[in-house]
C-alpha atoms as a PDB file:
ATOM      1  CA  MET A   1      85.914  23.798  99.050  1.00  0.00           C
ATOM      2  CA  HIS A   2      84.999  26.938  97.313  1.00  0.00           C
ATOM      3  CA  ASP A   3      87.643  29.710  96.947  1.00  0.00           C
ATOM      4  CA  PRO A   4      85.995  33.151  96.403  1.00  0.00           C
ATOM      5  CA  ASN A   5      89.032  34.613  94.615  1.00  0.00           C
ATOM      6  CA  GLN A   6      88.794  32.175  91.750  1.00  0.00           C
ATOM      7  CA  GLU A   7      85.360  33.332  90.601  1.00  0.00           C
ATOM      8  CA  GLY A   8      86.327  36.997  90.069  1.00  0.00           C
ATOM      9  CA  GLU A   9      85.558  38.356  93.500  1.00  0.00           C
ATOM     10  CA  LEU A  10      88.140  40.838  94.744  1.00  0.00           C
ATOM     11  CA  GLU A  11      89.672  40.638  98.142  1.00  0.00           C
ATOM     12  CA  GLU A  12      89.188  43.767 100.277  1.00  0.00           C
ATOM     13  CA  THR A  13      92.311  45.451 101.550  1.00  0.00           C
ATOM     14  CA  GLU A  14      92.510  47.759 104.507  1.00  0.00           C
ATOM     15  CA  LYS A  15      95.291  49.932 103.106  1.00  0.00           C
ATOM     16  CA  ILE A  16      94.517  53.588 102.384  1.00  0.00           C
ATOM     17  CA  ASN A  17      95.547  54.817  98.962  1.00  0.00           C
ATOM     18  CA  VAL A  18      97.272  58.194  99.447  1.00  0.00           C
ATOM     19  CA  VAL A  19      97.913  58.931  95.768  1.00  0.00           C
ATOM     20  CA  PRO A  20      94.562  60.726  95.228  1.00  0.00           C
ATOM     21  CA  LEU A  21      95.154  62.709  98.407  1.00  0.00           C
ATOM     22  CA  ALA A  22      98.584  63.803  97.177  1.00  0.00           C
ATOM     23  CA  ASP A  23      97.128  64.711  93.768  1.00  0.00           C
ATOM     24  CA  LEU A  24      94.417  66.822  95.367  1.00  0.00           C
ATOM     25  CA  THR A  25      96.954  68.562  97.587  1.00  0.00           C
ATOM     26  CA  LEU A  26      99.154  69.436  94.615  1.00  0.00           C
ATOM     27  CA  VAL A  27      96.190  70.765  92.626  1.00  0.00           C
ATOM     28  CA  LEU A  28      95.102  72.948  95.551  1.00  0.00           C
ATOM     29  CA  LEU A  29      98.666  74.207  95.964  1.00  0.00           C
ATOM     30  CA  ILE A  30      98.851  75.166  92.286  1.00  0.00           C
ATOM     31  CA  VAL A  31      95.485  76.945  92.484  1.00  0.00           C
ATOM     32  CA  LEU A  32      96.652  78.838  95.571  1.00  0.00           C
ATOM     33  CA  MET A  33      99.906  79.862  93.868  1.00  0.00           C
ATOM     34  CA  VAL A  34      98.048  81.116  90.791  1.00  0.00           C
ATOM     35  CA  LEU A  35      95.364  83.032  92.700  1.00  0.00           C
ATOM     36  CA  SER A  36      97.455  84.640  95.458  1.00  0.00           C
ATOM     37  CA  PRO A  37      99.112  87.317  93.237  1.00  0.00           C
ATOM     38  CA  MET A  38      95.708  88.209  91.814  1.00  0.00           C
ATOM     39  CA  ILE A  39      94.249  88.653  95.277  1.00  0.00           C
ATOM     40  CA  THR A  40      97.094  90.858  96.514  1.00  0.00           C
ATOM     41  CA  GLN A  41      97.021  92.984  93.353  1.00  0.00           C
ATOM     42  CA  SER A  42      93.309  93.583  93.721  1.00  0.00           C
ATOM     43  CA  MET A  43      93.919  94.981  97.209  1.00  0.00           C
ATOM     44  CA  ILE A  44      96.158  97.763  95.845  1.00  0.00           C
ATOM     45  CA  ARG A  45      93.995 100.594  94.574  1.00  0.00           C
ATOM     46  CA  VAL A  46      95.431 102.730  91.798  1.00  0.00           C
ATOM     47  CA  GLN A  47      93.772 105.911  90.618  1.00  0.00           C
ATOM     48  CA  ALA A  48      94.643 107.402  87.267  1.00  0.00           C
ATOM     49  CA  PRO A  49      95.204 111.165  87.251  1.00  0.00           C
ATOM     50  CA  ARG A  50      92.298 113.282  86.084  1.00  0.00           C
ATOM     51  CA  VAL A  51      92.755 116.108  83.634  1.00  0.00           C
ATOM     52  CA  GLU A  52      90.742 119.240  84.254  1.00  0.00           C
ATOM     53  CA  GLU A  53      89.811 121.303  81.256  1.00  0.00           C
ATOM     54  CA  ARG A  54      90.401 124.973  81.990  1.00  0.00           C
ATOM     55  CA  ALA A  55      89.754 126.372  78.540  1.00  0.00           C
ATOM     56  CA  THR A  56      88.936 125.198  75.064  1.00  0.00           C
ATOM     57  CA  GLU A  57      92.002 126.863  73.568  1.00  0.00           C
ATOM     58  CA  GLY A  58      95.217 125.999  75.324  1.00  0.00           C
ATOM     59  CA  PHE A  59      96.159 126.583  78.931  1.00  0.00           C
ATOM     60  CA  MET A  60      94.848 129.558  80.853  1.00  0.00           C
ATOM     61  CA  ALA A  61      96.535 130.865  83.961  1.00  0.00           C
ATOM     62  CA  PRO A  62      94.532 130.436  87.151  1.00  0.00           C
ATOM     63  CA  SER A  63      92.409 133.389  88.118  1.00  0.00           C
ATOM     64  CA  PRO A  64      93.459 135.429  91.156  1.00  0.00           C
ATOM     65  CA  ASP A  65      90.578 133.901  93.118  1.00  0.00           C
ATOM     66  CA  GLU A  66      91.921 130.370  92.583  1.00  0.00           C
ATOM     67  CA  LYS A  67      94.746 129.206  94.785  1.00  0.00           C
ATOM     68  CA  ALA A  68      97.710 127.616  93.030  1.00  0.00           C
ATOM     69  CA  PRO A  69      98.040 123.947  93.901  1.00  0.00           C
ATOM     70  CA  PRO A  70     100.670 123.265  96.553  1.00  0.00           C
ATOM     71  CA  SER A  71     104.010 121.976  95.384  1.00  0.00           C
ATOM     72  CA  PRO A  72     104.440 118.234  95.898  1.00  0.00           C
ATOM     73  CA  LEU A  73     106.863 116.585  98.260  1.00  0.00           C
ATOM     74  CA  LEU A  74     109.361 114.754  96.064  1.00  0.00           C
ATOM     75  CA  VAL A  75     110.924 111.656  97.624  1.00  0.00           C
ATOM     76  CA  GLU A  76     113.729 109.791  95.868  1.00  0.00           C
ATOM     77  CA  ILE A  77     114.874 106.360  96.977  1.00  0.00           C
ATOM     78  CA  SER A  78     118.238 105.320  95.553  1.00  0.00           C
ATOM     79  CA  GLU A  79     121.371 103.412  96.467  1.00  0.00           C
ATOM     80  CA  LYS A  80     122.922 106.745  97.489  1.00  0.00           C
ATOM     81  CA  GLY A  81     120.254 107.370 100.095  1.00  0.00           C
ATOM     82  CA  LEU A  82     116.891 109.000 100.646  1.00  0.00           C
ATOM     83  CA  ARG A  83     116.031 112.517  99.463  1.00  0.00           C
ATOM     84  CA  LEU A  84     113.076 114.753 100.213  1.00  0.00           C
ATOM     85  CA  ASN A  85     113.023 117.847  97.990  1.00  0.00           C
ATOM     86  CA  TYR A  86     116.833 117.724  97.559  1.00  0.00           C
ATOM     87  CA  VAL A  87     117.541 117.182 101.277  1.00  0.00           C
ATOM     88  CA  VAL A  88     119.371 113.908 101.991  1.00  0.00           C
ATOM     89  CA  PHE A  89     118.300 111.703 104.917  1.00  0.00           C
ATOM     90  CA  ALA A  90     120.260 108.900 106.562  1.00  0.00           C
ATOM     91  CA  ASP A  91     117.362 106.628 107.436  1.00  0.00           C
ATOM     92  CA  VAL A  92     113.687 106.054 106.745  1.00  0.00           C
ATOM     93  CA  ALA A  93     112.518 107.232 110.178  1.00  0.00           C
ATOM     94  CA  ALA A  94     114.108 110.670 109.728  1.00  0.00           C
ATOM     95  CA  LEU A  95     112.604 110.960 106.241  1.00  0.00           C
ATOM     96  CA  LEU A  96     109.125 110.084 107.504  1.00  0.00           C
ATOM     97  CA  ARG A  97     109.429 112.624 110.346  1.00  0.00           C
ATOM     98  CA  ALA A  98     110.336 115.297 107.795  1.00  0.00           C
ATOM     99  CA  ILE A  99     107.386 114.307 105.591  1.00  0.00           C
ATOM    100  CA  GLU A 100     105.073 114.511 108.597  1.00  0.00           C
ATOM    101  CA  SER A 101     106.336 117.972 109.574  1.00  0.00           C
ATOM    102  CA  GLN A 102     105.927 119.214 105.983  1.00  0.00           C
ATOM    103  CA  LEU A 103     102.384 117.830 105.823  1.00  0.00           C
ATOM    104  CA  GLN A 104     101.467 119.460 109.143  1.00  0.00           C
ATOM    105  CA  ARG A 105     102.233 122.849 107.584  1.00  0.00           C
ATOM    106  CA  THR A 106     100.316 122.160 104.361  1.00  0.00           C
ATOM    107  CA  ALA A 107      98.127 119.074 104.574  1.00  0.00           C
ATOM    108  CA  ASP A 108      97.025 118.876 100.952  1.00  0.00           C
ATOM    109  CA  ARG A 109     100.504 118.512  99.437  1.00  0.00           C
ATOM    110  CA  PRO A 110     100.832 115.354  97.343  1.00  0.00           C
ATOM    111  CA  VAL A 111     103.772 113.037  97.990  1.00  0.00           C
ATOM    112  CA  ILE A 112     105.568 111.761  94.883  1.00  0.00           C
ATOM    113  CA  VAL A 113     107.946 108.834  95.344  1.00  0.00           C
ATOM    114  CA  ALA A 114     110.572 107.968  92.736  1.00  0.00           C
ATOM    115  CA  ALA A 115     112.861 104.962  93.022  1.00  0.00           C
ATOM    116  CA  THR A 116     115.895 103.982  91.002  1.00  0.00           C
ATOM    117  CA  ASP A 117     116.569 100.494  89.694  1.00  0.00           C
ATOM    118  CA  GLY A 118     117.769  97.999  92.260  1.00  0.00           C
ATOM    119  CA  ILE A 119     115.572  99.238  95.107  1.00  0.00           C
ATOM    120  CA  THR A 120     113.446  96.558  96.730  1.00  0.00           C
ATOM    121  CA  VAL A 121     109.680  96.784  96.625  1.00  0.00           C
ATOM    122  CA  GLY A 122     109.535  96.508 100.402  1.00  0.00           C
ATOM    123  CA  SER A 123     111.487  99.723 100.949  1.00  0.00           C
ATOM    124  CA  ILE A 124     109.280 101.570  98.448  1.00  0.00           C
ATOM    125  CA  VAL A 125     106.101 100.312 100.114  1.00  0.00           C
ATOM    126  CA  GLU A 126     107.505 101.314 103.522  1.00  0.00           C
ATOM    127  CA  ILE A 127     107.909 104.915 102.302  1.00  0.00           C
ATOM    128  CA  LEU A 128     104.464 104.941 100.652  1.00  0.00           C
ATOM    129  CA  ASP A 129     102.790 103.575 103.792  1.00  0.00           C
ATOM    130  CA  GLY A 130     104.714 105.968 106.016  1.00  0.00           C
ATOM    131  CA  ALA A 131     103.670 108.944 103.895  1.00  0.00           C
ATOM    132  CA  LYS A 132     100.019 107.875 104.097  1.00  0.00           C
ATOM    133  CA  LEU A 133     100.275 107.421 107.870  1.00  0.00           C
ATOM    134  CA  ALA A 134     101.943 110.837 108.144  1.00  0.00           C
ATOM    135  CA  GLY A 135      98.793 112.385 106.704  1.00  0.00           C
ATOM    136  CA  ALA A 136      99.349 112.542 102.949  1.00  0.00           C
ATOM    137  CA  LYS A 137      96.040 112.711 101.113  1.00  0.00           C
ATOM    138  CA  SER A 138      97.550 111.574  97.826  1.00  0.00           C
ATOM    139  CA  VAL A 139     100.651 109.468  97.252  1.00  0.00           C
ATOM    140  CA  ALA A 140     102.066 108.749  93.802  1.00  0.00           C
ATOM    141  CA  LEU A 141     104.807 106.496  92.523  1.00  0.00           C
ATOM    142  CA  VAL A 142     106.681 107.664  89.430  1.00  0.00           C
ATOM    143  CA  LYS A 143     108.965 105.651  87.221  1.00  0.00           C
ATOM    144  CA  ASN A 144     111.412 108.258  86.007  1.00  0.00           C
ATOM    145  CA  THR A 145     113.412 109.965  88.743  1.00  0.00           C
ATOM    146  CA  ALA A 146     114.711 112.692  86.427  1.00  0.00           C
ATOM    147  CA  GLU A 147     111.192 113.816  85.499  1.00  0.00           C
ATOM    148  CA  ALA A 148     110.100 113.948  89.130  1.00  0.00           C
ATOM    149  CA  PHE A 149     113.013 116.177  90.160  1.00  0.00           C
ATOM    150  CA  ARG A 150     113.010 118.403  87.101  1.00  0.00           C
ATOM    151  CA  LYS A 151     112.430 122.076  87.831  1.00  0.00           C
END
């Protein structure tokens, strides 16, 4: 009799090879891990401050017709607690209520948030989001706490 395996014909197997499937899954996982930070960063919009030229030679005081810009609301987040313009708050909800009441009086006041080292990003984002929801038209995050609270 004639045996088909002896002449170079391969025998078909009904087993599924999962190695290519695992390779594809790992490649897709790596692509997802690389692209996900880029996608989330592109969703955060950052605007650089614009400098207005008032005069060609140095700084000129605003004319009497121009209103002085409103003073910003300074928020500091530290291990010691939360401060809004030198007033200490026990929790985030009380701070956000105070920000909302300040913004109801003067709506165009910017909110400047400064955080010390060791503060989690989540708590900073919670304050930034809360300030925006309270009605702040502009919210800024500064690096140096001392510069933000300097008189």
